[in-house]
Amino acid sequence: MMNLALISSAGAYIDGTDPFDAGAADGDYTFREIPTEIDFSDLRFSARGYDPTFVQQDVNVQIPLARLFEFAANRVIGQLNSAFWSFGGFIPDAALLVDVTLPKLVDRLKRYEVQAAL
């Protein structure tokens, strides 16, 4: 049974921490590592290109943690990793994302011994 990680471009971040820079012309190439056991009311969303109002009402439309915990409980997956990762979403230069940001994310996935990602 695998350790599954969730990676999202929803722009999720923890309330009280720095949001993504949704107004940056070149996008925001950072990511946030967030505990999967977070209280959904502590999540916020920096969005460019969609209205986060509805996501704030039902986090599972972008960050399906409740469904993934159900999968773990029903033994569809071995476990949901203890952290998930979110990008800001607006990333116009894919090469910069691949060359700079993704190697850092891969290091985090290896640290957690993740076998698969959604």
PDB file of N, CA and C in Angstrom:
ATOM      1  N   MET A   1       0.846  -1.177   0.000  1.00  0.00           N
ATOM      2  CA  MET A   1       0.000   0.000   0.000  1.00  0.00           C
ATOM      3  C   MET A   1       0.893   1.243   0.000  1.00  0.00           C
ATOM      4  N   MET A   2       0.480   2.221  -0.753  1.00  0.00           N
ATOM      5  CA  MET A   2       1.348   3.366  -0.981  1.00  0.00           C
ATOM      6  C   MET A   2       1.083   4.548  -0.058  1.00  0.00           C
ATOM      7  N   ASN A   3       2.082   5.397   0.003  1.00  0.00           N
ATOM      8  CA  ASN A   3       1.987   6.698   0.658  1.00  0.00           C
ATOM      9  C   ASN A   3       1.700   7.700  -0.453  1.00  0.00           C
ATOM     10  N   LEU A   4       0.485   8.235  -0.476  1.00  0.00           N
ATOM     11  CA  LEU A   4       0.038   9.131  -1.541  1.00  0.00           C
ATOM     12  C   LEU A   4       0.165  10.577  -1.111  1.00  0.00           C
ATOM     13  N   ALA A   5       0.733  11.400  -1.981  1.00  0.00           N
ATOM     14  CA  ALA A   5       0.844  12.835  -1.721  1.00  0.00           C
ATOM     15  C   ALA A   5      -0.144  13.587  -2.602  1.00  0.00           C
ATOM     16  N   LEU A   6      -0.628  14.695  -2.087  1.00  0.00           N
ATOM     17  CA  LEU A   6      -1.499  15.585  -2.847  1.00  0.00           C
ATOM     18  C   LEU A   6      -0.697  16.823  -3.210  1.00  0.00           C
ATOM     19  N   ILE A   7      -0.743  17.191  -4.491  1.00  0.00           N
ATOM     20  CA  ILE A   7      -0.103  18.409  -4.984  1.00  0.00           C
ATOM     21  C   ILE A   7      -1.169  19.180  -5.740  1.00  0.00           C
ATOM     22  N   SER A   8      -1.328  20.449  -5.406  1.00  0.00           N
ATOM     23  CA  SER A   8      -2.402  21.248  -5.985  1.00  0.00           C
ATOM     24  C   SER A   8      -1.880  22.590  -6.480  1.00  0.00           C
ATOM     25  N   SER A   9      -2.545  23.122  -7.476  1.00  0.00           N
ATOM     26  CA  SER A   9      -2.244  24.478  -7.951  1.00  0.00           C
ATOM     27  C   SER A   9      -3.332  25.453  -7.513  1.00  0.00           C
ATOM     28  N   ALA A  10      -4.002  25.136  -6.412  1.00  0.00           N
ATOM     29  CA  ALA A  10      -5.129  25.950  -5.928  1.00  0.00           C
ATOM     30  C   ALA A  10      -4.700  27.231  -5.231  1.00  0.00           C
ATOM     31  N   GLY A  11      -3.423  27.387  -4.940  1.00  0.00           N
ATOM     32  CA  GLY A  11      -2.976  28.573  -4.222  1.00  0.00           C
ATOM     33  C   GLY A  11      -3.276  28.510  -2.737  1.00  0.00           C
ATOM     34  N   ALA A  12      -3.328  27.302  -2.190  1.00  0.00           N
ATOM     35  CA  ALA A  12      -3.638  27.134  -0.762  1.00  0.00           C
ATOM     36  C   ALA A  12      -2.449  27.546   0.099  1.00  0.00           C
ATOM     37  N   TYR A  13      -2.770  28.185   1.209  1.00  0.00           N
ATOM     38  CA  TYR A  13      -1.769  28.524   2.206  1.00  0.00           C
ATOM     39  C   TYR A  13      -2.457  28.575   3.567  1.00  0.00           C
ATOM     40  N   ILE A  14      -1.677  28.566   4.629  1.00  0.00           N
ATOM     41  CA  ILE A  14      -2.224  28.574   5.980  1.00  0.00           C
ATOM     42  C   ILE A  14      -2.482  30.019   6.397  1.00  0.00           C
ATOM     43  N   ASP A  15      -3.660  30.256   6.948  1.00  0.00           N
ATOM     44  CA  ASP A  15      -4.020  31.580   7.444  1.00  0.00           C
ATOM     45  C   ASP A  15      -2.928  32.074   8.395  1.00  0.00           C
ATOM     46  N   GLY A  16      -2.502  33.303   8.204  1.00  0.00           N
ATOM     47  CA  GLY A  16      -1.451  33.873   9.037  1.00  0.00           C
ATOM     48  C   GLY A  16      -0.066  33.764   8.436  1.00  0.00           C
ATOM     49  N   THR A  17       0.080  33.006   7.341  1.00  0.00           N
ATOM     50  CA  THR A  17       1.352  32.920   6.631  1.00  0.00           C
ATOM     51  C   THR A  17       1.245  33.734   5.348  1.00  0.00           C
ATOM     52  N   ASP A  18       2.355  33.889   4.657  1.00  0.00           N
ATOM     53  CA  ASP A  18       2.357  34.693   3.439  1.00  0.00           C
ATOM     54  C   ASP A  18       1.558  34.016   2.326  1.00  0.00           C
ATOM     55  N   PRO A  19       0.625  34.748   1.713  1.00  0.00           N
ATOM     56  CA  PRO A  19      -0.097  34.200   0.560  1.00  0.00           C
ATOM     57  C   PRO A  19       0.806  34.201  -0.670  1.00  0.00           C
ATOM     58  N   PHE A  20       0.364  33.534  -1.702  1.00  0.00           N
ATOM     59  CA  PHE A  20       1.063  33.597  -2.979  1.00  0.00           C
ATOM     60  C   PHE A  20       0.878  34.990  -3.556  1.00  0.00           C
ATOM     61  N   ASP A  21       1.827  35.440  -4.366  1.00  0.00           N
ATOM     62  CA  ASP A  21       1.730  36.746  -5.004  1.00  0.00           C
ATOM     63  C   ASP A  21       0.933  36.589  -6.292  1.00  0.00           C
ATOM     64  N   ALA A  22      -0.383  36.663  -6.169  1.00  0.00           N
ATOM     65  CA  ALA A  22      -1.267  36.455  -7.317  1.00  0.00           C
ATOM     66  C   ALA A  22      -1.184  37.585  -8.330  1.00  0.00           C
ATOM     67  N   GLY A  23      -0.608  38.702  -7.952  1.00  0.00           N
ATOM     68  CA  GLY A  23      -0.502  39.833  -8.871  1.00  0.00           C
ATOM     69  C   GLY A  23       0.816  39.923  -9.608  1.00  0.00           C
ATOM     70  N   ALA A  24       1.766  39.052  -9.305  1.00  0.00           N
ATOM     71  CA  ALA A  24       3.081  39.109  -9.956  1.00  0.00           C
ATOM     72  C   ALA A  24       2.953  38.808 -11.449  1.00  0.00           C
ATOM     73  N   ALA A  25       3.502  39.664 -12.268  1.00  0.00           N
ATOM     74  CA  ALA A  25       3.408  39.498 -13.723  1.00  0.00           C
ATOM     75  C   ALA A  25       4.018  38.182 -14.193  1.00  0.00           C
ATOM     76  N   ASP A  26       5.096  37.753 -13.542  1.00  0.00           N
ATOM     77  CA  ASP A  26       5.765  36.505 -13.920  1.00  0.00           C
ATOM     78  C   ASP A  26       5.273  35.305 -13.140  1.00  0.00           C
ATOM     79  N   GLY A  27       4.279  35.494 -12.278  1.00  0.00           N
ATOM     80  CA  GLY A  27       3.761  34.405 -11.463  1.00  0.00           C
ATOM     81  C   GLY A  27       4.578  34.234 -10.194  1.00  0.00           C
ATOM     82  N   ASP A  28       4.127  33.361  -9.357  1.00  0.00           N
ATOM     83  CA  ASP A  28       4.804  33.044  -8.096  1.00  0.00           C
ATOM     84  C   ASP A  28       5.209  31.576  -8.169  1.00  0.00           C
ATOM     85  N   TYR A  29       6.521  31.323  -8.174  1.00  0.00           N
ATOM     86  CA  TYR A  29       7.044  29.968  -8.386  1.00  0.00           C
ATOM     87  C   TYR A  29       7.310  29.215  -7.093  1.00  0.00           C
ATOM     88  N   THR A  30       6.821  29.725  -5.995  1.00  0.00           N
ATOM     89  CA  THR A  30       7.022  29.045  -4.725  1.00  0.00           C
ATOM     90  C   THR A  30       5.910  28.027  -4.494  1.00  0.00           C
ATOM     91  N   PHE A  31       6.091  27.196  -3.497  1.00  0.00           N
ATOM     92  CA  PHE A  31       5.027  26.281  -3.090  1.00  0.00           C
ATOM     93  C   PHE A  31       4.940  26.312  -1.576  1.00  0.00           C
ATOM     94  N   ARG A  32       3.817  25.835  -1.062  1.00  0.00           N
ATOM     95  CA  ARG A  32       3.605  25.772   0.379  1.00  0.00           C
ATOM     96  C   ARG A  32       3.430  24.318   0.792  1.00  0.00           C
ATOM     97  N   GLU A  33       4.082  23.944   1.885  1.00  0.00           N
ATOM     98  CA  GLU A  33       3.911  22.622   2.475  1.00  0.00           C
ATOM     99  C   GLU A  33       2.933  22.787   3.629  1.00  0.00           C
ATOM    100  N   ILE A  34       1.830  22.029   3.579  1.00  0.00           N
ATOM    101  CA  ILE A  34       0.735  22.203   4.520  1.00  0.00           C
ATOM    102  C   ILE A  34       0.388  20.845   5.126  1.00  0.00           C
ATOM    103  N   PRO A  35       0.194  20.771   6.449  1.00  0.00           N
ATOM    104  CA  PRO A  35      -0.197  19.492   7.058  1.00  0.00           C
ATOM    105  C   PRO A  35      -1.566  19.033   6.548  1.00  0.00           C
ATOM    106  N   THR A  36      -1.695  17.755   6.250  1.00  0.00           N
ATOM    107  CA  THR A  36      -2.984  17.250   5.764  1.00  0.00           C
ATOM    108  C   THR A  36      -4.031  17.212   6.869  1.00  0.00           C
ATOM    109  N   GLU A  37      -3.617  17.206   8.107  1.00  0.00           N
ATOM    110  CA  GLU A  37      -4.552  17.176   9.238  1.00  0.00           C
ATOM    111  C   GLU A  37      -5.015  18.581   9.631  1.00  0.00           C
ATOM    112  N   ILE A  38      -4.892  19.533   8.724  1.00  0.00           N
ATOM    113  CA  ILE A  38      -5.243  20.923   9.009  1.00  0.00           C
ATOM    114  C   ILE A  38      -6.759  21.092   9.134  1.00  0.00           C
ATOM    115  N   ASP A  39      -7.163  21.979  10.007  1.00  0.00           N
ATOM    116  CA  ASP A  39      -8.570  22.364  10.082  1.00  0.00           C
ATOM    117  C   ASP A  39      -8.845  23.215   8.840  1.00  0.00           C
ATOM    118  N   PHE A  40      -9.832  22.835   8.061  1.00  0.00           N
ATOM    119  CA  PHE A  40     -10.096  23.526   6.799  1.00  0.00           C
ATOM    120  C   PHE A  40     -10.329  25.018   6.983  1.00  0.00           C
ATOM    121  N   SER A  41     -10.797  25.425   8.144  1.00  0.00           N
ATOM    122  CA  SER A  41     -11.027  26.852   8.379  1.00  0.00           C
ATOM    123  C   SER A  41      -9.712  27.628   8.461  1.00  0.00           C
ATOM    124  N   ASP A  42      -8.586  26.930   8.583  1.00  0.00           N
ATOM    125  CA  ASP A  42      -7.277  27.574   8.618  1.00  0.00           C
ATOM    126  C   ASP A  42      -6.651  27.720   7.238  1.00  0.00           C
ATOM    127  N   LEU A  43      -7.306  27.200   6.206  1.00  0.00           N
ATOM    128  CA  LEU A  43      -6.788  27.327   4.841  1.00  0.00           C
ATOM    129  C   LEU A  43      -7.317  28.600   4.186  1.00  0.00           C
ATOM    130  N   ARG A  44      -6.444  29.228   3.428  1.00  0.00           N
ATOM    131  CA  ARG A  44      -6.807  30.376   2.605  1.00  0.00           C
ATOM    132  C   ARG A  44      -6.303  30.104   1.194  1.00  0.00           C
ATOM    133  N   PHE A  45      -6.789  30.882   0.238  1.00  0.00           N
ATOM    134  CA  PHE A  45      -6.436  30.672  -1.163  1.00  0.00           C
ATOM    135  C   PHE A  45      -6.104  31.995  -1.837  1.00  0.00           C
ATOM    136  N   SER A  46      -4.918  32.045  -2.456  1.00  0.00           N
ATOM    137  CA  SER A  46      -4.528  33.171  -3.304  1.00  0.00           C
ATOM    138  C   SER A  46      -4.741  32.704  -4.729  1.00  0.00           C
ATOM    139  N   ALA A  47      -5.688  33.300  -5.392  1.00  0.00           N
ATOM    140  CA  ALA A  47      -6.036  32.796  -6.720  1.00  0.00           C
ATOM    141  C   ALA A  47      -5.890  33.874  -7.780  1.00  0.00           C
ATOM    142  N   ARG A  48      -5.504  33.446  -8.938  1.00  0.00           N
ATOM    143  CA  ARG A  48      -5.497  34.300 -10.122  1.00  0.00           C
ATOM    144  C   ARG A  48      -6.148  33.460 -11.207  1.00  0.00           C
ATOM    145  N   GLY A  49      -7.302  33.890 -11.648  1.00  0.00           N
ATOM    146  CA  GLY A  49      -7.980  33.150 -12.693  1.00  0.00           C
ATOM    147  C   GLY A  49      -9.227  32.426 -12.218  1.00  0.00           C
ATOM    148  N   TYR A  50      -9.471  32.398 -10.915  1.00  0.00           N
ATOM    149  CA  TYR A  50     -10.713  31.828 -10.406  1.00  0.00           C
ATOM    150  C   TYR A  50     -11.083  32.531  -9.105  1.00  0.00           C
ATOM    151  N   ASP A  51     -12.356  32.500  -8.788  1.00  0.00           N
ATOM    152  CA  ASP A  51     -12.867  33.124  -7.577  1.00  0.00           C
ATOM    153  C   ASP A  51     -12.773  32.105  -6.435  1.00  0.00           C
ATOM    154  N   PRO A  52     -11.947  32.358  -5.429  1.00  0.00           N
ATOM    155  CA  PRO A  52     -11.766  31.379  -4.352  1.00  0.00           C
ATOM    156  C   PRO A  52     -12.928  31.317  -3.356  1.00  0.00           C
ATOM    157  N   THR A  53     -13.950  32.114  -3.555  1.00  0.00           N
ATOM    158  CA  THR A  53     -15.081  32.138  -2.621  1.00  0.00           C
ATOM    159  C   THR A  53     -15.670  30.752  -2.421  1.00  0.00           C
ATOM    160  N   PHE A  54     -15.925  30.039  -3.512  1.00  0.00           N
ATOM    161  CA  PHE A  54     -16.559  28.723  -3.414  1.00  0.00           C
ATOM    162  C   PHE A  54     -15.609  27.668  -2.867  1.00  0.00           C
ATOM    163  N   VAL A  55     -14.320  27.814  -3.162  1.00  0.00           N
ATOM    164  CA  VAL A  55     -13.335  26.892  -2.611  1.00  0.00           C
ATOM    165  C   VAL A  55     -13.279  27.066  -1.100  1.00  0.00           C
ATOM    166  N   GLN A  56     -13.366  28.302  -0.643  1.00  0.00           N
ATOM    167  CA  GLN A  56     -13.347  28.549   0.793  1.00  0.00           C
ATOM    168  C   GLN A  56     -14.557  27.912   1.469  1.00  0.00           C
ATOM    169  N   GLN A  57     -15.684  27.832   0.745  1.00  0.00           N
ATOM    170  CA  GLN A  57     -16.895  27.213   1.290  1.00  0.00           C
ATOM    171  C   GLN A  57     -16.784  25.695   1.336  1.00  0.00           C
ATOM    172  N   ASP A  58     -16.123  25.100   0.341  1.00  0.00           N
ATOM    173  CA  ASP A  58     -15.915  23.646   0.304  1.00  0.00           C
ATOM    174  C   ASP A  58     -14.516  23.372  -0.228  1.00  0.00           C
ATOM    175  N   VAL A  59     -13.570  23.281   0.675  1.00  0.00           N
ATOM    176  CA  VAL A  59     -12.164  23.096   0.341  1.00  0.00           C
ATOM    177  C   VAL A  59     -11.955  21.871  -0.541  1.00  0.00           C
ATOM    178  N   ASN A  60     -12.783  20.856  -0.396  1.00  0.00           N
ATOM    179  CA  ASN A  60     -12.587  19.610  -1.131  1.00  0.00           C
ATOM    180  C   ASN A  60     -12.731  19.744  -2.639  1.00  0.00           C
ATOM    181  N   VAL A  61     -13.266  20.849  -3.138  1.00  0.00           N
ATOM    182  CA  VAL A  61     -13.331  21.017  -4.590  1.00  0.00           C
ATOM    183  C   VAL A  61     -11.949  21.242  -5.198  1.00  0.00           C
ATOM    184  N   GLN A  62     -11.007  21.748  -4.406  1.00  0.00           N
ATOM    185  CA  GLN A  62      -9.638  21.954  -4.879  1.00  0.00           C
ATOM    186  C   GLN A  62      -8.616  21.116  -4.104  1.00  0.00           C
ATOM    187  N   ILE A  63      -8.884  20.888  -2.837  1.00  0.00           N
ATOM    188  CA  ILE A  63      -7.978  20.145  -1.961  1.00  0.00           C
ATOM    189  C   ILE A  63      -8.793  18.983  -1.375  1.00  0.00           C
ATOM    190  N   PRO A  64      -8.904  17.859  -2.085  1.00  0.00           N
ATOM    191  CA  PRO A  64      -9.831  16.789  -1.677  1.00  0.00           C
ATOM    192  C   PRO A  64      -9.336  15.916  -0.513  1.00  0.00           C
ATOM    193  N   LEU A  65      -8.947  16.556   0.561  1.00  0.00           N
ATOM    194  CA  LEU A  65      -8.403  15.812   1.703  1.00  0.00           C
ATOM    195  C   LEU A  65      -9.423  14.864   2.318  1.00  0.00           C
ATOM    196  N   ALA A  66     -10.663  15.310   2.467  1.00  0.00           N
ATOM    197  CA  ALA A  66     -11.682  14.443   3.079  1.00  0.00           C
ATOM    198  C   ALA A  66     -11.861  13.168   2.264  1.00  0.00           C
ATOM    199  N   ARG A  67     -11.913  13.288   0.936  1.00  0.00           N
ATOM    200  CA  ARG A  67     -12.068  12.098   0.090  1.00  0.00           C
ATOM    201  C   ARG A  67     -10.847  11.197   0.203  1.00  0.00           C
ATOM    202  N   LEU A  68      -9.655  11.782   0.236  1.00  0.00           N
ATOM    203  CA  LEU A  68      -8.444  10.970   0.316  1.00  0.00           C
ATOM    204  C   LEU A  68      -8.318  10.276   1.668  1.00  0.00           C
ATOM    205  N   PHE A  69      -8.748  10.926   2.734  1.00  0.00           N
ATOM    206  CA  PHE A  69      -8.767  10.242   4.033  1.00  0.00           C
ATOM    207  C   PHE A  69      -9.773   9.091   4.017  1.00  0.00           C
ATOM    208  N   GLU A  70     -10.882   9.252   3.308  1.00  0.00           N
ATOM    209  CA  GLU A  70     -11.835   8.145   3.140  1.00  0.00           C
ATOM    210  C   GLU A  70     -11.180   6.994   2.397  1.00  0.00           C
ATOM    211  N   PHE A  71     -10.417   7.288   1.357  1.00  0.00           N
ATOM    212  CA  PHE A  71      -9.710   6.240   0.617  1.00  0.00           C
ATOM    213  C   PHE A  71      -8.753   5.489   1.542  1.00  0.00           C
ATOM    214  N   ALA A  72      -8.045   6.217   2.386  1.00  0.00           N
ATOM    215  CA  ALA A  72      -7.120   5.561   3.316  1.00  0.00           C
ATOM    216  C   ALA A  72      -7.890   4.696   4.312  1.00  0.00           C
ATOM    217  N   ALA A  73      -8.988   5.210   4.837  1.00  0.00           N
ATOM    218  CA  ALA A  73      -9.789   4.457   5.809  1.00  0.00           C
ATOM    219  C   ALA A  73     -10.374   3.191   5.192  1.00  0.00           C
ATOM    220  N   ASN A  74     -10.698   3.253   3.890  1.00  0.00           N
ATOM    221  CA  ASN A  74     -11.272   2.101   3.188  1.00  0.00           C
ATOM    222  C   ASN A  74     -10.209   1.248   2.501  1.00  0.00           C
ATOM    223  N   ARG A  75      -8.949   1.530   2.786  1.00  0.00           N
ATOM    224  CA  ARG A  75      -7.811   0.767   2.278  1.00  0.00           C
ATOM    225  C   ARG A  75      -7.701   0.782   0.758  1.00  0.00           C
ATOM    226  N   VAL A  76      -8.165   1.848   0.137  1.00  0.00           N
ATOM    227  CA  VAL A  76      -7.961   2.044  -1.302  1.00  0.00           C
ATOM    228  C   VAL A  76      -6.513   2.474  -1.532  1.00  0.00           C
ATOM    229  N   ILE A  77      -6.011   3.292  -0.609  1.00  0.00           N
ATOM    230  CA  ILE A  77      -4.598   3.664  -0.600  1.00  0.00           C
ATOM    231  C   ILE A  77      -4.057   3.262   0.767  1.00  0.00           C
ATOM    232  N   GLY A  78      -2.750   3.159   0.868  1.00  0.00           N
ATOM    233  CA  GLY A  78      -2.156   2.822   2.156  1.00  0.00           C
ATOM    234  C   GLY A  78      -2.328   3.956   3.144  1.00  0.00           C
ATOM    235  N   GLN A  79      -1.904   5.145   2.734  1.00  0.00           N
ATOM    236  CA  GLN A  79      -2.055   6.309   3.593  1.00  0.00           C
ATOM    237  C   GLN A  79      -1.918   7.574   2.771  1.00  0.00           C
ATOM    238  N   LEU A  80      -2.511   8.626   3.282  1.00  0.00           N
ATOM    239  CA  LEU A  80      -2.315   9.951   2.725  1.00  0.00           C
ATOM    240  C   LEU A  80      -1.119  10.541   3.452  1.00  0.00           C
ATOM    241  N   ASN A  81      -0.198  11.095   2.696  1.00  0.00           N
ATOM    242  CA  ASN A  81       0.989  11.681   3.304  1.00  0.00           C
ATOM    243  C   ASN A  81       0.597  12.736   4.339  1.00  0.00           C
ATOM    244  N   SER A  82       1.439  12.963   5.306  1.00  0.00           N
ATOM    245  CA  SER A  82       1.119  13.894   6.396  1.00  0.00           C
ATOM    246  C   SER A  82       1.186  15.363   5.993  1.00  0.00           C
ATOM    247  N   ALA A  83       1.688  15.640   4.810  1.00  0.00           N
ATOM    248  CA  ALA A  83       1.710  17.006   4.284  1.00  0.00           C
ATOM    249  C   ALA A  83       1.260  16.974   2.829  1.00  0.00           C
ATOM    250  N   PHE A  84       0.701  18.097   2.364  1.00  0.00           N
ATOM    251  CA  PHE A  84       0.431  18.254   0.939  1.00  0.00           C
ATOM    252  C   PHE A  84       1.082  19.554   0.490  1.00  0.00           C
ATOM    253  N   TRP A  85       1.163  19.755  -0.815  1.00  0.00           N
ATOM    254  CA  TRP A  85       1.850  20.906  -1.363  1.00  0.00           C
ATOM    255  C   TRP A  85       0.935  21.644  -2.317  1.00  0.00           C
ATOM    256  N   SER A  86       1.050  22.977  -2.284  1.00  0.00           N
ATOM    257  CA  SER A  86       0.237  23.810  -3.159  1.00  0.00           C
ATOM    258  C   SER A  86       1.104  24.853  -3.851  1.00  0.00           C
ATOM    259  N   PHE A  87       0.806  25.065  -5.126  1.00  0.00           N
ATOM    260  CA  PHE A  87       1.404  26.116  -5.939  1.00  0.00           C
ATOM    261  C   PHE A  87       0.378  27.225  -6.092  1.00  0.00           C
ATOM    262  N   GLY A  88       0.846  28.377  -6.581  1.00  0.00           N
ATOM    263  CA  GLY A  88      -0.045  29.506  -6.779  1.00  0.00           C
ATOM    264  C   GLY A  88      -0.926  29.392  -8.001  1.00  0.00           C
ATOM    265  N   GLY A  89      -0.616  28.552  -8.935  1.00  0.00           N
ATOM    266  CA  GLY A  89      -1.485  28.325 -10.085  1.00  0.00           C
ATOM    267  C   GLY A  89      -1.099  29.095 -11.331  1.00  0.00           C
ATOM    268  N   PHE A  90      -0.861  30.393 -11.217  1.00  0.00           N
ATOM    269  CA  PHE A  90      -0.468  31.188 -12.385  1.00  0.00           C
ATOM    270  C   PHE A  90       1.041  31.091 -12.534  1.00  0.00           C
ATOM    271  N   ILE A  91       1.472  30.245 -13.479  1.00  0.00           N
ATOM    272  CA  ILE A  91       2.897  30.005 -13.702  1.00  0.00           C
ATOM    273  C   ILE A  91       3.133  30.023 -15.211  1.00  0.00           C
ATOM    274  N   PRO A  92       3.383  31.209 -15.786  1.00  0.00           N
ATOM    275  CA  PRO A  92       3.490  31.312 -17.240  1.00  0.00           C
ATOM    276  C   PRO A  92       4.758  30.704 -17.842  1.00  0.00           C
ATOM    277  N   ASP A  93       5.824  30.567 -17.066  1.00  0.00           N
ATOM    278  CA  ASP A  93       7.074  30.029 -17.584  1.00  0.00           C
ATOM    279  C   ASP A  93       7.282  28.619 -17.026  1.00  0.00           C
ATOM    280  N   ALA A  94       6.805  27.637 -17.771  1.00  0.00           N
ATOM    281  CA  ALA A  94       6.885  26.247 -17.315  1.00  0.00           C
ATOM    282  C   ALA A  94       8.333  25.787 -17.139  1.00  0.00           C
ATOM    283  N   ALA A  95       9.246  26.293 -17.957  1.00  0.00           N
ATOM    284  CA  ALA A  95      10.648  25.886 -17.849  1.00  0.00           C
ATOM    285  C   ALA A  95      11.234  26.300 -16.501  1.00  0.00           C
ATOM    286  N   LEU A  96      10.902  27.489 -16.040  1.00  0.00           N
ATOM    287  CA  LEU A  96      11.388  27.941 -14.733  1.00  0.00           C
ATOM    288  C   LEU A  96      10.810  27.079 -13.617  1.00  0.00           C
ATOM    289  N   LEU A  97       9.556  26.740 -13.751  1.00  0.00           N
ATOM    290  CA  LEU A  97       8.929  25.851 -12.764  1.00  0.00           C
ATOM    291  C   LEU A  97       9.665  24.513 -12.723  1.00  0.00           C
ATOM    292  N   VAL A  98       9.926  23.931 -13.882  1.00  0.00           N
ATOM    293  CA  VAL A  98      10.584  22.626 -13.963  1.00  0.00           C
ATOM    294  C   VAL A  98      12.029  22.694 -13.472  1.00  0.00           C
ATOM    295  N   ASP A  99      12.750  23.735 -13.852  1.00  0.00           N
ATOM    296  CA  ASP A  99      14.175  23.817 -13.522  1.00  0.00           C
ATOM    297  C   ASP A  99      14.461  24.259 -12.095  1.00  0.00           C
ATOM    298  N   VAL A 100      13.604  25.115 -11.535  1.00  0.00           N
ATOM    299  CA  VAL A 100      13.894  25.696 -10.227  1.00  0.00           C
ATOM    300  C   VAL A 100      13.011  25.127  -9.118  1.00  0.00           C
ATOM    301  N   THR A 101      11.717  25.121  -9.340  1.00  0.00           N
ATOM    302  CA  THR A 101      10.783  24.777  -8.266  1.00  0.00           C
ATOM    303  C   THR A 101      10.608  23.279  -8.081  1.00  0.00           C
ATOM    304  N   LEU A 102      10.402  22.558  -9.166  1.00  0.00           N
ATOM    305  CA  LEU A 102      10.123  21.125  -9.041  1.00  0.00           C
ATOM    306  C   LEU A 102      11.234  20.322  -8.383  1.00  0.00           C
ATOM    307  N   PRO A 103      12.514  20.611  -8.623  1.00  0.00           N
ATOM    308  CA  PRO A 103      13.546  19.862  -7.887  1.00  0.00           C
ATOM    309  C   PRO A 103      13.409  20.017  -6.368  1.00  0.00           C
ATOM    310  N   LYS A 104      13.006  21.198  -5.908  1.00  0.00           N
ATOM    311  CA  LYS A 104      12.795  21.405  -4.473  1.00  0.00           C
ATOM    312  C   LYS A 104      11.615  20.579  -3.975  1.00  0.00           C
ATOM    313  N   LEU A 105      10.559  20.513  -4.781  1.00  0.00           N
ATOM    314  CA  LEU A 105       9.391  19.712  -4.406  1.00  0.00           C
ATOM    315  C   LEU A 105       9.739  18.225  -4.395  1.00  0.00           C
ATOM    316  N   VAL A 106      10.485  17.779  -5.379  1.00  0.00           N
ATOM    317  CA  VAL A 106      10.891  16.368  -5.434  1.00  0.00           C
ATOM    318  C   VAL A 106      11.708  16.008  -4.197  1.00  0.00           C
ATOM    319  N   ASP A 107      12.572  16.903  -3.747  1.00  0.00           N
ATOM    320  CA  ASP A 107      13.325  16.653  -2.510  1.00  0.00           C
ATOM    321  C   ASP A 107      12.387  16.444  -1.328  1.00  0.00           C
ATOM    322  N   ARG A 108      11.334  17.243  -1.242  1.00  0.00           N
ATOM    323  CA  ARG A 108      10.359  17.099  -0.152  1.00  0.00           C
ATOM    324  C   ARG A 108       9.629  15.756  -0.260  1.00  0.00           C
ATOM    325  N   LEU A 109       9.233  15.367  -1.472  1.00  0.00           N
ATOM    326  CA  LEU A 109       8.543  14.091  -1.672  1.00  0.00           C
ATOM    327  C   LEU A 109       9.438  12.921  -1.269  1.00  0.00           C
ATOM    328  N   LYS A 110      10.695  13.003  -1.609  1.00  0.00           N
ATOM    329  CA  LYS A 110      11.637  11.943  -1.227  1.00  0.00           C
ATOM    330  C   LYS A 110      11.790  11.876   0.291  1.00  0.00           C
ATOM    331  N   ARG A 111      11.846  13.037   0.939  1.00  0.00           N
ATOM    332  CA  ARG A 111      11.985  13.068   2.393  1.00  0.00           C
ATOM    333  C   ARG A 111      10.827  12.343   3.070  1.00  0.00           C
ATOM    334  N   TYR A 112       9.626  12.500   2.507  1.00  0.00           N
ATOM    335  CA  TYR A 112       8.437  11.859   3.068  1.00  0.00           C
ATOM    336  C   TYR A 112       8.227  10.438   2.556  1.00  0.00           C
ATOM    337  N   GLU A 113       9.105   9.961   1.689  1.00  0.00           N
ATOM    338  CA  GLU A 113       9.009   8.621   1.112  1.00  0.00           C
ATOM    339  C   GLU A 113       7.665   8.396   0.415  1.00  0.00           C
ATOM    340  N   VAL A 114       7.291   9.361  -0.395  1.00  0.00           N
ATOM    341  CA  VAL A 114       6.057   9.310  -1.175  1.00  0.00           C
ATOM    342  C   VAL A 114       6.251   8.366  -2.355  1.00  0.00           C
ATOM    343  N   GLN A 115       5.275   7.495  -2.593  1.00  0.00           N
ATOM    344  CA  GLN A 115       5.349   6.587  -3.738  1.00  0.00           C
ATOM    345  C   GLN A 115       4.537   7.070  -4.934  1.00  0.00           C
ATOM    346  N   ALA A 116       3.531   7.902  -4.698  1.00  0.00           N
ATOM    347  CA  ALA A 116       2.693   8.397  -5.790  1.00  0.00           C
ATOM    348  C   ALA A 116       2.120   9.753  -5.398  1.00  0.00           C
ATOM    349  N   ALA A 117       1.729  10.523  -6.403  1.00  0.00           N
ATOM    350  CA  ALA A 117       1.159  11.847  -6.131  1.00  0.00           C
ATOM    351  C   ALA A 117      -0.064  12.070  -7.009  1.00  0.00           C
ATOM    352  N   LEU A 118      -1.005  12.780  -6.435  1.00  0.00           N
ATOM    353  CA  LEU A 118      -2.212  13.176  -7.154  1.00  0.00           C
ATOM    354  C   LEU A 118      -2.191  14.668  -7.268  1.00  0.00           C
TER     355      LEU A 118
END
